[in-house]
Amino acid sequence: MGSRPETPISCLVGVTKINSMKITTILLDCDNTLVQSESLAFEANADLINEILAARKVDLNFTGSYLQREFVGQNFQNMVNY
């Protein structure tokens, strides 16, 4: 594998001035181990689903907390197919 490009932290977090630190690793937490990422993911899913429904003129609106109660442990495709 080739080497990964280093990305300045300022590009990722919107900081205009920061030390010469470079990001060399990105840690992803998708199962609530380090951060309560599930609630954030369900909020994002609700936003996307609501946008799709509005574009299709469907009068439904979901919250992240509702989706989390109903679909915890399932993937996005299962939510959409429900």
N, C-alpha and C. Protein backbone atom coordinates (compact mmCIF):
# COMPACT_ATOMS: atom_id res chain seq x y z
N MET A 1 0.83 -1.18 0.00
CA MET A 1 0.00 0.00 0.00
C MET A 1 0.88 1.24 0.00
N GLY A 2 0.41 2.29 -0.65
CA GLY A 2 1.14 3.55 -0.66
C GLY A 2 0.97 4.28 0.66
N SER A 3 1.73 5.32 0.82
CA SER A 3 1.60 6.09 2.05
C SER A 3 0.36 6.96 1.99
N ARG A 4 -0.23 7.21 3.16
CA ARG A 4 -1.43 8.03 3.24
C ARG A 4 -1.03 9.50 3.28
N PRO A 5 -1.77 10.36 2.59
CA PRO A 5 -1.47 11.79 2.67
C PRO A 5 -1.82 12.31 4.06
N GLU A 6 -1.04 13.23 4.55
CA GLU A 6 -1.34 13.84 5.84
C GLU A 6 -2.21 15.07 5.60
N THR A 7 -3.25 15.20 6.39
CA THR A 7 -4.19 16.30 6.25
C THR A 7 -4.05 17.24 7.42
N PRO A 8 -3.94 18.55 7.18
CA PRO A 8 -3.88 19.48 8.30
C PRO A 8 -5.17 19.43 9.10
N ILE A 9 -5.06 19.46 10.41
CA ILE A 9 -6.23 19.44 11.28
C ILE A 9 -7.16 20.59 10.94
N SER A 10 -6.63 21.75 10.59
CA SER A 10 -7.46 22.91 10.32
C SER A 10 -8.47 22.66 9.20
N CYS A 11 -8.14 21.80 8.25
CA CYS A 11 -9.07 21.49 7.16
C CYS A 11 -10.28 20.71 7.68
N LEU A 12 -10.08 19.91 8.69
CA LEU A 12 -11.15 19.05 9.17
C LEU A 12 -12.03 19.72 10.22
N VAL A 13 -11.49 20.60 11.01
CA VAL A 13 -12.27 21.18 12.11
C VAL A 13 -12.56 22.66 11.92
N GLY A 14 -12.19 23.24 10.81
CA GLY A 14 -12.49 24.62 10.55
C GLY A 14 -11.67 25.62 11.35
N VAL A 15 -10.57 25.21 11.90
CA VAL A 15 -9.69 26.11 12.64
C VAL A 15 -8.80 26.80 11.64
N THR A 16 -8.63 28.11 11.79
CA THR A 16 -7.83 28.83 10.81
C THR A 16 -6.35 28.81 11.12
N LYS A 17 -5.98 28.71 12.39
CA LYS A 17 -4.56 28.69 12.73
C LYS A 17 -4.33 27.62 13.79
N ILE A 18 -3.40 26.75 13.55
CA ILE A 18 -3.09 25.67 14.48
C ILE A 18 -1.64 25.30 14.28
N ASN A 19 -1.07 24.61 15.22
CA ASN A 19 0.33 24.17 15.10
C ASN A 19 0.52 23.37 13.82
N SER A 20 1.71 22.94 13.59
CA SER A 20 2.00 22.16 12.39
C SER A 20 1.64 20.69 12.55
N MET A 21 0.73 20.39 13.49
CA MET A 21 0.30 19.00 13.69
C MET A 21 -0.42 18.50 12.44
N LYS A 22 -0.19 17.26 12.11
CA LYS A 22 -0.84 16.65 10.97
C LYS A 22 -1.63 15.44 11.46
N ILE A 23 -2.76 15.20 10.83
CA ILE A 23 -3.54 14.01 11.14
C ILE A 23 -2.92 12.84 10.40
N THR A 24 -2.59 11.81 11.11
CA THR A 24 -2.03 10.61 10.47
C THR A 24 -2.96 9.42 10.63
N THR A 25 -3.93 9.54 11.55
CA THR A 25 -4.84 8.43 11.81
C THR A 25 -6.23 8.99 12.11
N ILE A 26 -7.25 8.33 11.61
CA ILE A 26 -8.62 8.68 11.95
C ILE A 26 -9.23 7.48 12.64
N LEU A 27 -9.77 7.70 13.82
CA LEU A 27 -10.40 6.64 14.60
C LEU A 27 -11.91 6.75 14.44
N LEU A 28 -12.54 5.70 13.96
CA LEU A 28 -13.98 5.68 13.77
C LEU A 28 -14.62 4.84 14.87
N ASP A 29 -15.63 5.40 15.50
CA ASP A 29 -16.36 4.71 16.56
C ASP A 29 -17.81 4.60 16.13
N CYS A 30 -18.22 3.42 15.72
CA CYS A 30 -19.58 3.25 15.20
C CYS A 30 -20.47 2.42 16.12
N ASP A 31 -20.03 2.15 17.32
CA ASP A 31 -20.84 1.30 18.19
C ASP A 31 -20.93 1.81 19.63
N ASN A 32 -20.84 3.13 19.81
CA ASN A 32 -20.99 3.75 21.13
C ASN A 32 -19.91 3.38 22.12
N THR A 33 -18.77 2.90 21.68
CA THR A 33 -17.72 2.51 22.61
C THR A 33 -17.00 3.73 23.17
N LEU A 34 -16.62 4.66 22.33
CA LEU A 34 -15.88 5.84 22.78
C LEU A 34 -16.76 7.07 22.91
N VAL A 35 -17.69 7.22 22.02
CA VAL A 35 -18.59 8.38 21.96
C VAL A 35 -19.99 7.84 21.73
N GLN A 36 -20.99 8.57 22.18
CA GLN A 36 -22.37 8.16 21.94
C GLN A 36 -22.73 8.42 20.47
N SER A 37 -22.08 7.66 19.60
CA SER A 37 -22.21 7.89 18.16
C SER A 37 -23.54 7.42 17.60
N GLU A 38 -24.19 6.47 18.24
CA GLU A 38 -25.47 5.97 17.72
C GLU A 38 -26.51 7.07 17.67
N SER A 39 -26.61 7.87 18.72
CA SER A 39 -27.62 8.94 18.71
C SER A 39 -27.32 9.95 17.62
N LEU A 40 -26.05 10.26 17.40
CA LEU A 40 -25.67 11.17 16.31
C LEU A 40 -26.02 10.57 14.95
N ALA A 41 -25.77 9.29 14.79
CA ALA A 41 -26.08 8.61 13.52
C ALA A 41 -27.59 8.60 13.27
N PHE A 42 -28.38 8.34 14.31
CA PHE A 42 -29.83 8.32 14.12
C PHE A 42 -30.37 9.72 13.82
N GLU A 43 -29.77 10.76 14.39
CA GLU A 43 -30.18 12.13 14.05
C GLU A 43 -29.89 12.41 12.57
N ALA A 44 -28.73 11.99 12.11
CA ALA A 44 -28.38 12.17 10.69
C ALA A 44 -29.32 11.37 9.80
N ASN A 45 -29.65 10.14 10.21
CA ASN A 45 -30.59 9.33 9.44
C ASN A 45 -31.95 10.00 9.37
N ALA A 46 -32.42 10.55 10.48
CA ALA A 46 -33.71 11.23 10.50
C ALA A 46 -33.70 12.41 9.54
N ASP A 47 -32.63 13.19 9.56
CA ASP A 47 -32.52 14.33 8.65
C ASP A 47 -32.61 13.87 7.19
N LEU A 48 -31.88 12.82 6.86
CA LEU A 48 -31.88 12.32 5.49
C LEU A 48 -33.24 11.76 5.10
N ILE A 49 -33.83 10.95 5.97
CA ILE A 49 -35.15 10.37 5.67
C ILE A 49 -36.19 11.47 5.51
N ASN A 50 -36.17 12.47 6.39
CA ASN A 50 -37.12 13.58 6.29
C ASN A 50 -36.94 14.36 5.00
N GLU A 51 -35.71 14.52 4.57
CA GLU A 51 -35.43 15.22 3.31
C GLU A 51 -35.99 14.43 2.13
N ILE A 52 -35.79 13.12 2.14
CA ILE A 52 -36.32 12.27 1.07
C ILE A 52 -37.84 12.30 1.05
N LEU A 53 -38.46 12.19 2.23
CA LEU A 53 -39.92 12.22 2.31
C LEU A 53 -40.48 13.55 1.83
N ALA A 54 -39.85 14.64 2.21
CA ALA A 54 -40.32 15.97 1.78
C ALA A 54 -40.21 16.11 0.27
N ALA A 55 -39.12 15.62 -0.31
CA ALA A 55 -38.94 15.70 -1.76
C ALA A 55 -39.99 14.90 -2.50
N ARG A 56 -40.49 13.85 -1.85
CA ARG A 56 -41.52 13.01 -2.47
C ARG A 56 -42.93 13.41 -2.03
N LYS A 57 -43.02 14.55 -1.34
CA LYS A 57 -44.30 15.09 -0.88
C LYS A 57 -45.04 14.12 0.05
N VAL A 58 -44.29 13.41 0.89
CA VAL A 58 -44.88 12.50 1.88
C VAL A 58 -44.92 13.24 3.20
N ASP A 59 -46.10 13.33 3.80
CA ASP A 59 -46.29 14.11 5.02
C ASP A 59 -45.97 13.28 6.26
N LEU A 60 -44.71 12.93 6.41
CA LEU A 60 -44.22 12.23 7.60
C LEU A 60 -42.94 12.92 8.04
N ASN A 61 -42.67 12.87 9.33
CA ASN A 61 -41.46 13.47 9.87
C ASN A 61 -40.97 12.61 11.03
N PHE A 62 -39.69 12.27 11.04
CA PHE A 62 -39.13 11.42 12.08
C PHE A 62 -38.05 12.15 12.86
N THR A 63 -37.90 11.78 14.11
CA THR A 63 -36.80 12.31 14.93
C THR A 63 -35.77 11.21 15.09
N GLY A 64 -34.57 11.61 15.43
CA GLY A 64 -33.52 10.64 15.68
C GLY A 64 -33.86 9.73 16.84
N SER A 65 -34.46 10.28 17.89
CA SER A 65 -34.79 9.45 19.06
C SER A 65 -35.86 8.42 18.73
N TYR A 66 -36.83 8.78 17.88
CA TYR A 66 -37.84 7.81 17.46
C TYR A 66 -37.19 6.68 16.67
N LEU A 67 -36.36 7.03 15.70
CA LEU A 67 -35.70 6.00 14.90
C LEU A 67 -34.82 5.11 15.77
N GLN A 68 -34.16 5.70 16.74
CA GLN A 68 -33.30 4.91 17.62
C GLN A 68 -34.11 3.91 18.43
N ARG A 69 -35.26 4.35 18.94
CA ARG A 69 -36.13 3.42 19.71
C ARG A 69 -36.62 2.28 18.83
N GLU A 70 -37.01 2.60 17.61
CA GLU A 70 -37.63 1.61 16.74
C GLU A 70 -36.63 0.71 16.00
N PHE A 71 -35.44 1.23 15.71
CA PHE A 71 -34.54 0.52 14.81
C PHE A 71 -33.14 0.28 15.35
N VAL A 72 -32.94 0.40 16.65
CA VAL A 72 -31.61 0.19 17.20
C VAL A 72 -31.12 -1.22 16.82
N GLY A 73 -29.89 -1.32 16.41
CA GLY A 73 -29.32 -2.60 16.01
C GLY A 73 -29.52 -2.94 14.55
N GLN A 74 -30.27 -2.13 13.83
CA GLN A 74 -30.51 -2.38 12.41
C GLN A 74 -29.74 -1.37 11.57
N ASN A 75 -29.61 -1.67 10.30
CA ASN A 75 -28.90 -0.74 9.43
C ASN A 75 -29.88 0.21 8.74
N PHE A 76 -29.31 1.19 8.05
CA PHE A 76 -30.12 2.22 7.39
C PHE A 76 -31.06 1.60 6.37
N GLN A 77 -30.60 0.63 5.62
CA GLN A 77 -31.44 -0.01 4.60
C GLN A 77 -32.69 -0.63 5.22
N ASN A 78 -32.56 -1.26 6.38
CA ASN A 78 -33.73 -1.83 7.05
C ASN A 78 -34.73 -0.74 7.45
N MET A 79 -34.23 0.41 7.87
CA MET A 79 -35.13 1.51 8.23
C MET A 79 -35.91 1.98 7.00
N VAL A 80 -35.22 2.13 5.89
CA VAL A 80 -35.85 2.62 4.67
C VAL A 80 -36.86 1.60 4.14
N ASN A 81 -36.53 0.33 4.22
CA ASN A 81 -37.41 -0.72 3.71
C ASN A 81 -38.62 -0.98 4.59
N TYR A 82 -38.58 -0.52 5.83
CA TYR A 82 -39.67 -0.76 6.77
C TYR A 82 -40.91 -0.07 6.27
